[in-house]
Amino acid sequence: MSGYILEAENICKSVDIEKEKFEILKSVSLYVKEGEYVAIMGPSGSGKSTFLGILSCIDKQTSGKVTINYINIEKLNKDKLTEFRNENIGIVFQSFNLIPVLNAEENIEIPLFFSKKQIDRGSKIDELINIVGLNHKRKSFPRQLSGGEQQRVAIARALAGEPKILLADEPTGALDSKNSKIVLDIFDKFREKYNMTIIMITHDKKVAERANRILYMEDGTFREVNE
């Protein structure tokens, strides 16, 4: 084994627009150790979200290889890939994507219905809802929650299945500074408790500085800003 929980090697992504090929990612490589916290910065349109979509097994690269938790995801069929994503990857977006007719604890519980892990639902929901500081809002519906509270529910939901890796696309982008700090503190708690690997996209330098490593993407390629 390589020692990296995530390896993305020479990832290229192109799309055809009006009979012309447009390159979104140009031979991007990333190697991440278990428990590492990586931030990716860069201007809009640089390819950050496309790259994260490939790492999350939602999108597919044109060429290159992605290995996650020592599994080459190219070898998985559609059903196995969905199962693998549910078991290994948690995803947090800028938009909260909560189900409006479910309350906070019911939204958090959703991944547990699909997990094959032996996880006690009640205990896991209690643990998560307390870590994100929303025990008093567990029966509240999304419309009754602030933006920061909705994002905390979304984070708890992403982590309910005990994934090895958390992928976050602008998780603080719609939040004020107070709620941004709460969200980032939650990431730190989970990383410390579970040795969770985090890869986060952000436009905010202060947010990126919470990570161990910052990379900068521009025109579909990256350069490392600091070690």
C-alpha atoms as a PDB file:
ATOM      1  CA  MET A   1       0.000   0.000   0.000  1.00  0.00           C
ATOM      2  CA  SER A   2       1.129   3.521  -0.781  1.00  0.00           C
ATOM      3  CA  GLY A   3       0.256   5.110   2.564  1.00  0.00           C
ATOM      4  CA  TYR A   4      -2.124   7.585   0.918  1.00  0.00           C
ATOM      5  CA  ILE A   5      -5.839   7.291   1.614  1.00  0.00           C
ATOM      6  CA  LEU A   6      -6.534   9.253  -1.574  1.00  0.00           C
ATOM      7  CA  GLU A   7      -4.511   9.302  -4.790  1.00  0.00           C
ATOM      8  CA  ALA A   8      -5.567  11.233  -7.858  1.00  0.00           C
ATOM      9  CA  GLU A   9      -3.066  10.726 -10.659  1.00  0.00           C
ATOM     10  CA  ASN A  10      -2.939  12.789 -13.851  1.00  0.00           C
ATOM     11  CA  ILE A  11      -6.635  13.651 -13.780  1.00  0.00           C
ATOM     12  CA  CYS A  12      -7.907  15.242 -16.979  1.00  0.00           C
ATOM     13  CA  LYS A  13     -11.437  16.363 -17.666  1.00  0.00           C
ATOM     14  CA  SER A  14     -12.679  17.786 -20.931  1.00  0.00           C
ATOM     15  CA  VAL A  15     -16.078  18.524 -22.423  1.00  0.00           C
ATOM     16  CA  ASP A  16     -17.190  19.179 -25.979  1.00  0.00           C
ATOM     17  CA  ILE A  17     -18.790  22.568 -26.492  1.00  0.00           C
ATOM     18  CA  GLU A  18     -20.009  23.431 -29.984  1.00  0.00           C
ATOM     19  CA  LYS A  19     -17.698  20.833 -31.547  1.00  0.00           C
ATOM     20  CA  GLU A  20     -14.685  22.181 -29.651  1.00  0.00           C
ATOM     21  CA  LYS A  21     -12.960  20.376 -26.810  1.00  0.00           C
ATOM     22  CA  PHE A  22     -12.700  22.427 -23.614  1.00  0.00           C
ATOM     23  CA  GLU A  23     -10.195  21.256 -21.001  1.00  0.00           C
ATOM     24  CA  ILE A  24     -11.415  21.796 -17.431  1.00  0.00           C
ATOM     25  CA  LEU A  25      -8.667  19.803 -15.665  1.00  0.00           C
ATOM     26  CA  LYS A  26      -5.188  19.333 -17.084  1.00  0.00           C
ATOM     27  CA  SER A  27      -3.281  16.381 -15.631  1.00  0.00           C
ATOM     28  CA  VAL A  28      -3.997  17.200 -11.973  1.00  0.00           C
ATOM     29  CA  SER A  29      -2.452  14.973  -9.299  1.00  0.00           C
ATOM     30  CA  LEU A  30      -3.098  14.934  -5.555  1.00  0.00           C
ATOM     31  CA  TYR A  31      -1.870  12.572  -2.826  1.00  0.00           C
ATOM     32  CA  VAL A  32      -3.439  12.808   0.616  1.00  0.00           C
ATOM     33  CA  LYS A  33      -2.498  10.913   3.771  1.00  0.00           C
ATOM     34  CA  GLU A  34      -5.066   9.629   6.248  1.00  0.00           C
ATOM     35  CA  GLY A  35      -6.014  12.356   8.736  1.00  0.00           C
ATOM     36  CA  GLU A  36      -4.664  15.157   6.556  1.00  0.00           C
ATOM     37  CA  TYR A  37      -6.593  18.410   6.089  1.00  0.00           C
ATOM     38  CA  VAL A  38      -6.158  19.953   2.628  1.00  0.00           C
ATOM     39  CA  ALA A  39      -7.625  23.233   1.400  1.00  0.00           C
ATOM     40  CA  ILE A  40      -7.973  24.038  -2.308  1.00  0.00           C
ATOM     41  CA  MET A  41      -8.247  27.677  -3.351  1.00  0.00           C
ATOM     42  CA  GLY A  42      -8.529  29.377  -6.729  1.00  0.00           C
ATOM     43  CA  PRO A  43     -10.734  31.633  -8.841  1.00  0.00           C
ATOM     44  CA  SER A  44     -14.183  30.657 -10.063  1.00  0.00           C
ATOM     45  CA  GLY A  45     -13.969  28.479 -13.160  1.00  0.00           C
ATOM     46  CA  SER A  46     -10.524  27.129 -12.306  1.00  0.00           C
ATOM     47  CA  GLY A  47     -11.764  23.521 -12.028  1.00  0.00           C
ATOM     48  CA  LYS A  48     -11.967  23.146  -8.228  1.00  0.00           C
ATOM     49  CA  SER A  49     -15.544  21.903  -8.017  1.00  0.00           C
ATOM     50  CA  THR A  50     -15.090  19.626 -11.024  1.00  0.00           C
ATOM     51  CA  PHE A  51     -12.074  18.055  -9.342  1.00  0.00           C
ATOM     52  CA  LEU A  52     -14.004  17.584  -6.086  1.00  0.00           C
ATOM     53  CA  GLY A  53     -16.879  16.036  -8.045  1.00  0.00           C
ATOM     54  CA  ILE A  54     -14.468  13.447  -9.442  1.00  0.00           C
ATOM     55  CA  LEU A  55     -13.013  12.705  -5.998  1.00  0.00           C
ATOM     56  CA  SER A  56     -16.543  12.272  -4.642  1.00  0.00           C
ATOM     57  CA  CYS A  57     -17.349   9.650  -7.318  1.00  0.00           C
ATOM     58  CA  ILE A  58     -20.187  11.813  -8.639  1.00  0.00           C
ATOM     59  CA  ASP A  59     -18.403  12.954 -11.798  1.00  0.00           C
ATOM     60  CA  LYS A  60     -15.974  10.972 -13.948  1.00  0.00           C
ATOM     61  CA  GLN A  61     -12.629  12.042 -15.321  1.00  0.00           C
ATOM     62  CA  THR A  62     -11.754  11.854 -19.022  1.00  0.00           C
ATOM     63  CA  SER A  63      -8.467  10.195 -18.149  1.00  0.00           C
ATOM     64  CA  GLY A  64      -6.329   9.507 -15.100  1.00  0.00           C
ATOM     65  CA  LYS A  65      -6.741   7.293 -12.049  1.00  0.00           C
ATOM     66  CA  VAL A  66      -8.421   7.816  -8.664  1.00  0.00           C
ATOM     67  CA  THR A  67      -7.692   5.502  -5.732  1.00  0.00           C
ATOM     68  CA  ILE A  68      -9.622   6.020  -2.495  1.00  0.00           C
ATOM     69  CA  ASN A  69      -9.061   3.979   0.656  1.00  0.00           C
ATOM     70  CA  TYR A  70      -6.789   1.763  -1.469  1.00  0.00           C
ATOM     71  CA  ILE A  71      -9.542   0.945  -3.982  1.00  0.00           C
ATOM     72  CA  ASN A  72      -9.250   1.869  -7.667  1.00  0.00           C
ATOM     73  CA  ILE A  73     -12.720   3.296  -8.196  1.00  0.00           C
ATOM     74  CA  GLU A  74     -12.483   2.734 -11.960  1.00  0.00           C
ATOM     75  CA  LYS A  75     -12.954  -0.975 -11.322  1.00  0.00           C
ATOM     76  CA  LEU A  76     -16.313  -0.501  -9.594  1.00  0.00           C
ATOM     77  CA  ASN A  77     -19.597  -0.753 -11.474  1.00  0.00           C
ATOM     78  CA  LYS A  78     -22.335   1.815 -10.911  1.00  0.00           C
ATOM     79  CA  ASP A  79     -23.971   0.021  -7.980  1.00  0.00           C
ATOM     80  CA  LYS A  80     -20.679  -0.797  -6.288  1.00  0.00           C
ATOM     81  CA  LEU A  81     -19.514   2.791  -6.794  1.00  0.00           C
ATOM     82  CA  THR A  82     -22.630   4.157  -5.090  1.00  0.00           C
ATOM     83  CA  GLU A  83     -22.125   1.730  -2.207  1.00  0.00           C
ATOM     84  CA  PHE A  84     -18.445   2.662  -1.968  1.00  0.00           C
ATOM     85  CA  ARG A  85     -19.257   6.388  -1.870  1.00  0.00           C
ATOM     86  CA  ASN A  86     -21.862   5.886   0.861  1.00  0.00           C
ATOM     87  CA  GLU A  87     -19.415   3.918   2.996  1.00  0.00           C
ATOM     88  CA  ASN A  88     -16.273   5.988   2.499  1.00  0.00           C
ATOM     89  CA  ILE A  89     -17.065   9.585   1.547  1.00  0.00           C
ATOM     90  CA  GLY A  90     -19.013  12.362   3.243  1.00  0.00           C
ATOM     91  CA  ILE A  91     -19.906  15.425   1.157  1.00  0.00           C
ATOM     92  CA  VAL A  92     -20.803  18.932   2.318  1.00  0.00           C
ATOM     93  CA  PHE A  93     -21.860  21.620  -0.155  1.00  0.00           C
ATOM     94  CA  GLN A  94     -22.392  25.362   0.121  1.00  0.00           C
ATOM     95  CA  SER A  95     -26.111  24.731  -0.409  1.00  0.00           C
ATOM     96  CA  PHE A  96     -27.420  22.659   2.465  1.00  0.00           C
ATOM     97  CA  ASN A  97     -29.640  20.261   0.451  1.00  0.00           C
ATOM     98  CA  LEU A  98     -31.721  19.260   3.473  1.00  0.00           C
ATOM     99  CA  ILE A  99     -35.050  17.532   2.925  1.00  0.00           C
ATOM    100  CA  PRO A 100     -37.667  20.105   3.990  1.00  0.00           C
ATOM    101  CA  VAL A 101     -40.271  17.610   5.271  1.00  0.00           C
ATOM    102  CA  LEU A 102     -37.775  15.935   7.633  1.00  0.00           C
ATOM    103  CA  ASN A 103     -36.624  17.417  10.928  1.00  0.00           C
ATOM    104  CA  ALA A 104     -32.965  17.808  11.894  1.00  0.00           C
ATOM    105  CA  GLU A 105     -32.436  14.356  13.370  1.00  0.00           C
ATOM    106  CA  GLU A 106     -34.320  12.697  10.499  1.00  0.00           C
ATOM    107  CA  ASN A 107     -32.107  14.482   7.948  1.00  0.00           C
ATOM    108  CA  ILE A 108     -29.021  13.308   9.841  1.00  0.00           C
ATOM    109  CA  GLU A 109     -30.312   9.735   9.880  1.00  0.00           C
ATOM    110  CA  ILE A 110     -30.681   9.400   6.093  1.00  0.00           C
ATOM    111  CA  PRO A 111     -27.207   7.904   5.339  1.00  0.00           C
ATOM    112  CA  LEU A 112     -27.706   5.273   8.042  1.00  0.00           C
ATOM    113  CA  PHE A 113     -30.524   3.680   6.042  1.00  0.00           C
ATOM    114  CA  PHE A 114     -28.017   2.899   3.270  1.00  0.00           C
ATOM    115  CA  SER A 115     -24.987   1.981   5.377  1.00  0.00           C
ATOM    116  CA  LYS A 116     -23.928  -1.635   5.822  1.00  0.00           C
ATOM    117  CA  LYS A 117     -21.851  -0.701   8.861  1.00  0.00           C
ATOM    118  CA  GLN A 118     -23.056  -1.793  12.288  1.00  0.00           C
ATOM    119  CA  ILE A 119     -23.969   1.668  13.566  1.00  0.00           C
ATOM    120  CA  ASP A 120     -26.561   2.195  16.284  1.00  0.00           C
ATOM    121  CA  ARG A 121     -28.806   4.881  14.804  1.00  0.00           C
ATOM    122  CA  GLY A 122     -30.021   6.406  18.046  1.00  0.00           C
ATOM    123  CA  SER A 123     -26.558   6.641  19.592  1.00  0.00           C
ATOM    124  CA  LYS A 124     -25.025   8.024  16.399  1.00  0.00           C
ATOM    125  CA  ILE A 125     -27.688  10.733  16.008  1.00  0.00           C
ATOM    126  CA  ASP A 126     -27.288  11.703  19.676  1.00  0.00           C
ATOM    127  CA  GLU A 127     -23.512  11.914  19.255  1.00  0.00           C
ATOM    128  CA  LEU A 128     -23.633  13.978  16.074  1.00  0.00           C
ATOM    129  CA  ILE A 129     -26.363  16.361  17.115  1.00  0.00           C
ATOM    130  CA  ASN A 130     -24.496  17.120  20.327  1.00  0.00           C
ATOM    131  CA  ILE A 131     -21.157  17.668  18.570  1.00  0.00           C
ATOM    132  CA  VAL A 132     -22.766  20.160  16.178  1.00  0.00           C
ATOM    133  CA  GLY A 133     -24.522  21.836  19.105  1.00  0.00           C
ATOM    134  CA  LEU A 134     -28.116  21.352  17.982  1.00  0.00           C
ATOM    135  CA  ASN A 135     -29.665  19.064  20.583  1.00  0.00           C
ATOM    136  CA  HIS A 136     -32.243  21.777  21.311  1.00  0.00           C
ATOM    137  CA  LYS A 137     -33.176  21.877  17.602  1.00  0.00           C
ATOM    138  CA  ARG A 138     -33.306  18.167  16.848  1.00  0.00           C
ATOM    139  CA  LYS A 139     -37.059  18.218  16.115  1.00  0.00           C
ATOM    140  CA  SER A 140     -36.898  21.442  14.081  1.00  0.00           C
ATOM    141  CA  PHE A 141     -37.496  21.438  10.338  1.00  0.00           C
ATOM    142  CA  PRO A 142     -35.057  23.167   7.937  1.00  0.00           C
ATOM    143  CA  ARG A 143     -37.335  26.194   7.538  1.00  0.00           C
ATOM    144  CA  GLN A 144     -37.115  26.692  11.311  1.00  0.00           C
ATOM    145  CA  LEU A 145     -33.306  26.717  11.309  1.00  0.00           C
ATOM    146  CA  SER A 146     -30.874  29.507  10.476  1.00  0.00           C
ATOM    147  CA  GLY A 147     -28.384  29.073   7.624  1.00  0.00           C
ATOM    148  CA  GLY A 148     -25.616  28.189  10.069  1.00  0.00           C
ATOM    149  CA  GLU A 149     -27.807  25.635  11.809  1.00  0.00           C
ATOM    150  CA  GLN A 150     -28.814  24.067   8.500  1.00  0.00           C
ATOM    151  CA  GLN A 151     -25.172  23.727   7.517  1.00  0.00           C
ATOM    152  CA  ARG A 152     -24.404  22.044  10.839  1.00  0.00           C
ATOM    153  CA  VAL A 153     -27.203  19.542  10.191  1.00  0.00           C
ATOM    154  CA  ALA A 154     -25.761  18.959   6.700  1.00  0.00           C
ATOM    155  CA  ILE A 155     -22.327  18.280   8.194  1.00  0.00           C
ATOM    156  CA  ALA A 156     -23.759  15.860  10.753  1.00  0.00           C
ATOM    157  CA  ARG A 157     -25.621  14.085   7.941  1.00  0.00           C
ATOM    158  CA  ALA A 158     -22.424  13.817   5.871  1.00  0.00           C
ATOM    159  CA  LEU A 159     -20.630  12.214   8.814  1.00  0.00           C
ATOM    160  CA  ALA A 160     -23.399   9.890  10.010  1.00  0.00           C
ATOM    161  CA  GLY A 161     -22.042   6.920   8.066  1.00  0.00           C
ATOM    162  CA  GLU A 162     -18.566   7.342   9.589  1.00  0.00           C
ATOM    163  CA  PRO A 163     -16.817   8.066   6.266  1.00  0.00           C
ATOM    164  CA  LYS A 164     -13.054   7.984   5.968  1.00  0.00           C
ATOM    165  CA  ILE A 165     -12.984  11.206   3.931  1.00  0.00           C
ATOM    166  CA  LEU A 166     -14.967  14.436   4.124  1.00  0.00           C
ATOM    167  CA  LEU A 167     -15.164  16.528   0.942  1.00  0.00           C
ATOM    168  CA  ALA A 168     -16.430  20.073   1.446  1.00  0.00           C
ATOM    169  CA  ASP A 169     -17.227  22.523  -1.363  1.00  0.00           C
ATOM    170  CA  GLU A 170     -17.355  26.084   0.036  1.00  0.00           C
ATOM    171  CA  PRO A 171     -18.945  24.892   3.305  1.00  0.00           C
ATOM    172  CA  THR A 172     -18.758  28.394   4.826  1.00  0.00           C
ATOM    173  CA  GLY A 173     -19.555  30.321   1.641  1.00  0.00           C
ATOM    174  CA  ALA A 174     -23.123  31.187   2.682  1.00  0.00           C
ATOM    175  CA  LEU A 175     -22.308  31.813   6.350  1.00  0.00           C
ATOM    176  CA  ASP A 176     -21.270  34.805   8.427  1.00  0.00           C
ATOM    177  CA  SER A 177     -17.954  34.798  10.302  1.00  0.00           C
ATOM    178  CA  LYS A 178     -19.468  33.492  13.566  1.00  0.00           C
ATOM    179  CA  ASN A 179     -21.140  30.511  11.921  1.00  0.00           C
ATOM    180  CA  SER A 180     -18.092  29.888   9.736  1.00  0.00           C
ATOM    181  CA  LYS A 181     -15.976  29.483  12.860  1.00  0.00           C
ATOM    182  CA  ILE A 182     -18.540  27.089  14.368  1.00  0.00           C
ATOM    183  CA  VAL A 183     -18.475  24.936  11.216  1.00  0.00           C
ATOM    184  CA  LEU A 184     -14.671  24.866  11.055  1.00  0.00           C
ATOM    185  CA  ASP A 185     -14.457  24.004  14.759  1.00  0.00           C
ATOM    186  CA  ILE A 186     -16.806  21.069  14.086  1.00  0.00           C
ATOM    187  CA  PHE A 187     -14.474  19.857  11.314  1.00  0.00           C
ATOM    188  CA  ASP A 188     -11.579  19.995  13.773  1.00  0.00           C
ATOM    189  CA  LYS A 189     -13.524  17.984  16.368  1.00  0.00           C
ATOM    190  CA  PHE A 190     -14.332  15.194  13.920  1.00  0.00           C
ATOM    191  CA  ARG A 191     -10.815  15.140  12.551  1.00  0.00           C
ATOM    192  CA  GLU A 192      -9.368  14.813  16.038  1.00  0.00           C
ATOM    193  CA  LYS A 193     -11.875  12.173  17.159  1.00  0.00           C
ATOM    194  CA  TYR A 194     -11.893   9.981  14.048  1.00  0.00           C
ATOM    195  CA  ASN A 195      -8.616  10.866  12.303  1.00  0.00           C
ATOM    196  CA  MET A 196     -10.822  12.008   9.435  1.00  0.00           C
ATOM    197  CA  THR A 197      -9.299  13.178   6.163  1.00  0.00           C
ATOM    198  CA  ILE A 198     -10.709  16.498   4.933  1.00  0.00           C
ATOM    199  CA  ILE A 199     -10.439  18.109   1.500  1.00  0.00           C
ATOM    200  CA  MET A 200     -12.101  21.508   1.349  1.00  0.00           C
ATOM    201  CA  ILE A 201     -12.638  24.078  -1.377  1.00  0.00           C
ATOM    202  CA  THR A 202     -12.790  27.679  -0.234  1.00  0.00           C
ATOM    203  CA  HIS A 203     -12.313  31.225  -1.514  1.00  0.00           C
ATOM    204  CA  ASP A 204     -11.528  32.465   2.002  1.00  0.00           C
ATOM    205  CA  LYS A 205      -7.851  32.549   2.946  1.00  0.00           C
ATOM    206  CA  LYS A 206      -8.656  32.563   6.665  1.00  0.00           C
ATOM    207  CA  VAL A 207     -10.730  29.417   6.215  1.00  0.00           C
ATOM    208  CA  ALA A 208      -7.972  27.757   4.177  1.00  0.00           C
ATOM    209  CA  GLU A 209      -5.431  28.490   6.890  1.00  0.00           C
ATOM    210  CA  ARG A 210      -7.214  26.020   9.178  1.00  0.00           C
ATOM    211  CA  ALA A 211      -5.857  23.244   6.940  1.00  0.00           C
ATOM    212  CA  ASN A 212      -2.461  21.517   7.069  1.00  0.00           C
ATOM    213  CA  ARG A 213      -1.838  22.192   3.422  1.00  0.00           C
ATOM    214  CA  ILE A 214      -3.110  24.726   0.912  1.00  0.00           C
ATOM    215  CA  LEU A 215      -3.159  24.210  -2.855  1.00  0.00           C
ATOM    216  CA  TYR A 216      -4.052  26.797  -5.450  1.00  0.00           C
ATOM    217  CA  MET A 217      -5.852  25.826  -8.642  1.00  0.00           C
ATOM    218  CA  GLU A 218      -5.792  27.986 -11.726  1.00  0.00           C
ATOM    219  CA  ASP A 219      -6.696  27.118 -15.323  1.00  0.00           C
ATOM    220  CA  GLY A 220      -7.220  23.461 -14.468  1.00  0.00           C
ATOM    221  CA  THR A 221      -3.889  22.833 -12.738  1.00  0.00           C
ATOM    222  CA  PHE A 222      -2.584  23.280  -9.235  1.00  0.00           C
ATOM    223  CA  ARG A 223       0.399  24.671  -7.463  1.00  0.00           C
ATOM    224  CA  GLU A 224       1.094  24.296  -3.775  1.00  0.00           C
ATOM    225  CA  VAL A 225       1.102  27.521  -1.794  1.00  0.00           C
ATOM    226  CA  ASN A 226       2.614  26.190   1.409  1.00  0.00           C
ATOM    227  CA  GLU A 227       3.531  22.996   3.154  1.00  0.00           C
END
